[in-house]
Amino acid sequence: MEGEELHQLIRGCIKQDRKCQKMLYKEFYSFSMGICVRYTNNRDDAADVMNKGFLNVFTKIDRFDTGRSFKAWVGKIMTNVCIDYYRSNLKTPFTEDIEKAGHITDSDLVDKDLSYNELLAMVHRLPLAYRTVFNLFAIEGYSHKEIGKMLNIDAGTSKSNLHKARQNLSQMVAQFQFH
C-alpha cells in the first residue's frame, strides 16, 4: 500500500478512526511481526511487543513526516519497542570486550540448504544479548556505536556480542549440516 491510499489511512488514524487503525494494523502486521519475532523468545512475546509497537504508532502517528517512508517509520518504532523488551528482560548483561573474543567471518554462516525458518530458530536459541546485537547489526544495519547507545553498553561489548552470536550460529549451522 502506497501513496494516497496510505495517506488517507494515516489521516484517519490521526482522527482515531478505528476502521483506519484496523486497516493499517492489518497492512503492516506481517512486516511488524517479522521484526518482533527476531528479537523475542516466541510468537506470543512477539505479538505482545508488536501490539505495544502499534500502540506507539497510533499515539505518535500525528508526528509522522509524510515526506518519508511510513514503512521505515513503523520499522523504527517496532525496533525501539523490541529494544525496550530486551532491556526489561536482560537478566545478566554480556559485557566481555571484543579483545577477548576470537575471529569468525560471515562466510562461516553461509549454508544454501538452510531455510529462513531454520535460521530464525537458530537465532532464537541465542542468548538475548547476543540475539539483540545480531539483529541490530546484521539485520537493521546499526553501527556498534549506535547499538552501544541504544543498549547502554560499550561499542566493544556490542562487537563481542556480535562475534559470539556469529560463533554460536556457526556452530549451530555446522551441527545442522551433519543431521
Protein backbone atom coordinates (compact mmCIF):
# COMPACT_ATOMS: atom_id res chain seq x y z
CA MET A 1 0.00 0.00 0.00
CA GLU A 2 1.41 3.35 -1.02
CA GLY A 3 0.54 6.86 -1.98
CA GLU A 4 -2.82 8.46 -1.41
CA GLU A 5 -4.49 5.34 -0.01
CA LEU A 6 -1.87 5.11 2.74
CA HIS A 7 -2.07 8.84 3.44
CA GLN A 8 -5.87 8.56 3.80
CA LEU A 9 -5.39 5.77 6.34
CA ILE A 10 -2.83 7.86 8.22
CA ARG A 11 -5.19 10.83 8.30
CA GLY A 12 -7.95 8.54 9.59
CA CYS A 13 -5.65 7.18 12.29
CA ILE A 14 -4.76 10.72 13.36
CA LYS A 15 -8.52 11.24 13.88
CA GLN A 16 -8.53 7.95 15.86
CA ASP A 17 -10.84 6.27 13.34
CA ARG A 18 -10.92 2.62 14.50
CA LYS A 19 -11.59 1.32 10.99
CA CYS A 20 -8.48 3.08 9.65
CA GLN A 21 -6.43 1.82 12.59
CA LYS A 22 -7.58 -1.74 11.93
CA MET A 23 -6.74 -1.45 8.22
CA LEU A 24 -3.30 0.00 8.97
CA TYR A 25 -2.67 -2.75 11.54
CA LYS A 26 -3.59 -5.44 9.00
CA GLU A 27 -1.45 -3.80 6.31
CA PHE A 28 1.70 -3.70 8.45
CA TYR A 29 1.08 -6.77 10.63
CA SER A 30 3.42 -9.18 8.80
CA PHE A 31 6.19 -6.62 8.43
CA SER A 32 5.99 -5.68 12.12
CA MET A 33 5.67 -9.26 13.35
CA GLY A 34 8.75 -10.17 11.30
CA ILE A 35 10.77 -7.60 13.21
CA CYS A 36 9.40 -8.57 16.62
CA VAL A 37 9.87 -12.32 16.11
CA ARG A 38 13.60 -11.77 15.57
CA TYR A 39 14.03 -10.09 18.94
CA THR A 40 11.72 -12.06 21.23
CA ASN A 41 11.68 -15.57 22.62
CA ASN A 42 8.47 -16.79 20.97
CA ARG A 43 5.48 -15.71 18.88
CA ASP A 44 3.38 -14.84 21.94
CA ASP A 45 6.06 -12.44 23.19
CA ALA A 46 6.47 -11.10 19.65
CA ALA A 47 2.73 -10.41 19.44
CA ASP A 48 2.81 -8.57 22.78
CA VAL A 49 5.79 -6.47 21.71
CA MET A 50 4.25 -5.79 18.31
CA ASN A 51 0.98 -4.64 19.89
CA LYS A 52 2.92 -2.23 22.12
CA GLY A 53 4.62 -1.02 18.96
CA PHE A 54 1.30 -0.42 17.24
CA LEU A 55 0.07 1.46 20.30
CA ASN A 56 3.11 3.74 19.83
CA VAL A 57 2.36 4.03 16.12
CA PHE A 58 -1.20 5.12 16.79
CA THR A 59 -0.32 7.56 19.59
CA LYS A 60 2.55 9.14 17.61
CA ILE A 61 1.12 8.97 14.10
CA ASP A 62 0.44 12.71 14.07
CA ARG A 63 4.25 13.20 14.23
CA PHE A 64 4.91 11.13 11.11
CA ASP A 65 6.65 13.11 8.36
CA THR A 66 4.70 12.31 5.17
CA GLY A 67 7.79 13.09 3.12
CA ARG A 68 9.44 9.95 4.48
CA SER A 69 8.76 6.23 4.23
CA PHE A 70 5.93 5.14 6.52
CA LYS A 71 7.15 1.54 6.48
CA ALA A 72 10.59 2.64 7.66
CA TRP A 73 8.97 4.75 10.39
CA VAL A 74 6.89 1.79 11.60
CA GLY A 75 10.00 -0.42 11.45
CA LYS A 76 11.94 2.03 13.62
CA ILE A 77 9.14 2.09 16.20
CA MET A 78 8.96 -1.72 16.25
CA THR A 79 12.74 -1.96 16.65
CA ASN A 80 12.68 0.53 19.52
CA VAL A 81 9.91 -1.42 21.29
CA CYS A 82 12.00 -4.57 20.82
CA ILE A 83 14.97 -2.81 22.42
CA ASP A 84 12.73 -1.92 25.37
CA TYR A 85 11.77 -5.62 25.54
CA TYR A 86 15.47 -6.52 25.56
CA ARG A 87 16.22 -4.07 28.38
CA SER A 88 13.33 -5.28 30.51
CA ASN A 89 14.22 -8.97 30.04
CA LEU A 90 18.00 -8.89 30.28
CA LYS A 91 18.95 -10.79 33.40
CA THR A 92 22.72 -10.90 33.01
CA PRO A 93 24.43 -8.37 30.79
CA PHE A 94 27.09 -9.75 28.49
CA THR A 95 29.97 -7.33 28.88
CA GLU A 96 33.03 -9.19 27.71
CA ASP A 97 35.05 -7.00 25.37
CA ILE A 98 35.95 -7.87 21.78
CA GLU A 99 39.67 -8.28 22.56
CA LYS A 100 38.79 -11.46 24.47
CA ALA A 101 36.85 -12.89 21.52
CA GLY A 102 38.24 -14.94 18.66
CA HIS A 103 37.64 -14.35 14.95
CA ILE A 104 34.81 -15.57 12.74
CA THR A 105 33.66 -14.39 9.34
CA ASP A 106 30.20 -14.06 7.82
CA SER A 107 31.14 -16.74 5.28
CA ASP A 108 31.29 -19.24 8.13
CA LEU A 109 27.50 -18.85 8.47
CA VAL A 110 26.60 -19.41 4.84
CA ASP A 111 24.63 -22.55 4.07
CA LYS A 112 22.44 -22.81 0.99
CA ASP A 113 20.35 -25.66 2.43
CA LEU A 114 19.22 -23.64 5.45
CA SER A 115 15.68 -22.24 5.28
CA TYR A 116 14.63 -18.90 6.74
CA ASN A 117 12.63 -20.64 9.49
CA GLU A 118 15.55 -22.89 10.40
CA LEU A 119 17.90 -19.92 10.61
CA LEU A 120 15.32 -17.94 12.61
CA ALA A 121 15.02 -20.87 15.04
CA MET A 122 18.80 -20.83 15.46
CA VAL A 123 18.79 -17.08 16.09
CA HIS A 124 16.10 -17.63 18.74
CA ARG A 125 18.39 -20.06 20.55
CA LEU A 126 20.98 -17.31 21.06
CA PRO A 127 21.12 -15.61 24.46
CA LEU A 128 19.01 -12.44 24.46
CA ALA A 129 22.01 -10.05 24.46
CA TYR A 130 23.67 -11.83 21.52
CA ARG A 131 20.41 -12.07 19.57
CA THR A 132 19.60 -8.40 20.07
CA VAL A 133 23.02 -7.18 18.93
CA PHE A 134 22.96 -9.62 15.99
CA ASN A 135 19.56 -8.30 14.87
CA LEU A 136 20.51 -4.66 15.29
CA PHE A 137 23.81 -5.04 13.44
CA ALA A 138 23.22 -7.74 10.82
CA ILE A 139 19.53 -7.13 10.06
CA GLU A 140 18.81 -3.49 10.95
CA GLY A 141 22.23 -2.14 9.92
CA TYR A 142 23.14 -0.16 13.03
CA SER A 143 26.80 0.51 13.88
CA HIS A 144 28.34 -0.81 17.09
CA LYS A 145 28.48 2.75 18.41
CA GLU A 146 24.73 3.19 17.77
CA ILE A 147 23.96 -0.20 19.32
CA GLY A 148 26.02 0.71 22.36
CA LYS A 149 23.98 3.88 22.87
CA MET A 150 20.68 2.04 22.40
CA LEU A 151 21.52 -0.78 24.80
CA ASN A 152 23.68 1.21 27.24
CA ILE A 153 26.77 -0.91 26.55
CA ASP A 154 30.23 -0.15 25.15
CA ALA A 155 30.79 -0.46 21.40
CA GLY A 156 33.38 -3.14 22.24
CA THR A 157 30.74 -5.12 24.10
CA SER A 158 28.47 -4.87 21.07
CA LYS A 159 31.29 -6.21 18.88
CA SER A 160 31.93 -9.03 21.32
CA ASN A 161 28.25 -9.97 21.49
CA LEU A 162 28.02 -9.96 17.68
CA HIS A 163 31.12 -12.13 17.45
CA LYS A 164 29.70 -14.59 19.96
CA ALA A 165 26.33 -14.62 18.20
CA ARG A 166 28.05 -15.43 14.91
CA GLN A 167 30.21 -18.04 16.59
CA ASN A 168 27.17 -19.73 18.15
CA LEU A 169 25.25 -19.57 14.87
CA SER A 170 28.22 -21.04 13.04
CA GLN A 171 28.28 -23.96 15.47
CA MET A 172 24.53 -24.47 15.06
CA VAL A 173 24.85 -24.41 11.26
CA ALA A 174 27.69 -26.94 11.43
CA GLN A 175 25.57 -29.23 13.64
CA PHE A 176 22.63 -28.78 11.26
CA GLN A 177 24.78 -29.86 8.29
CA PHE A 178 25.63 -33.14 10.00
CA HIS A 179 21.98 -34.06 10.65
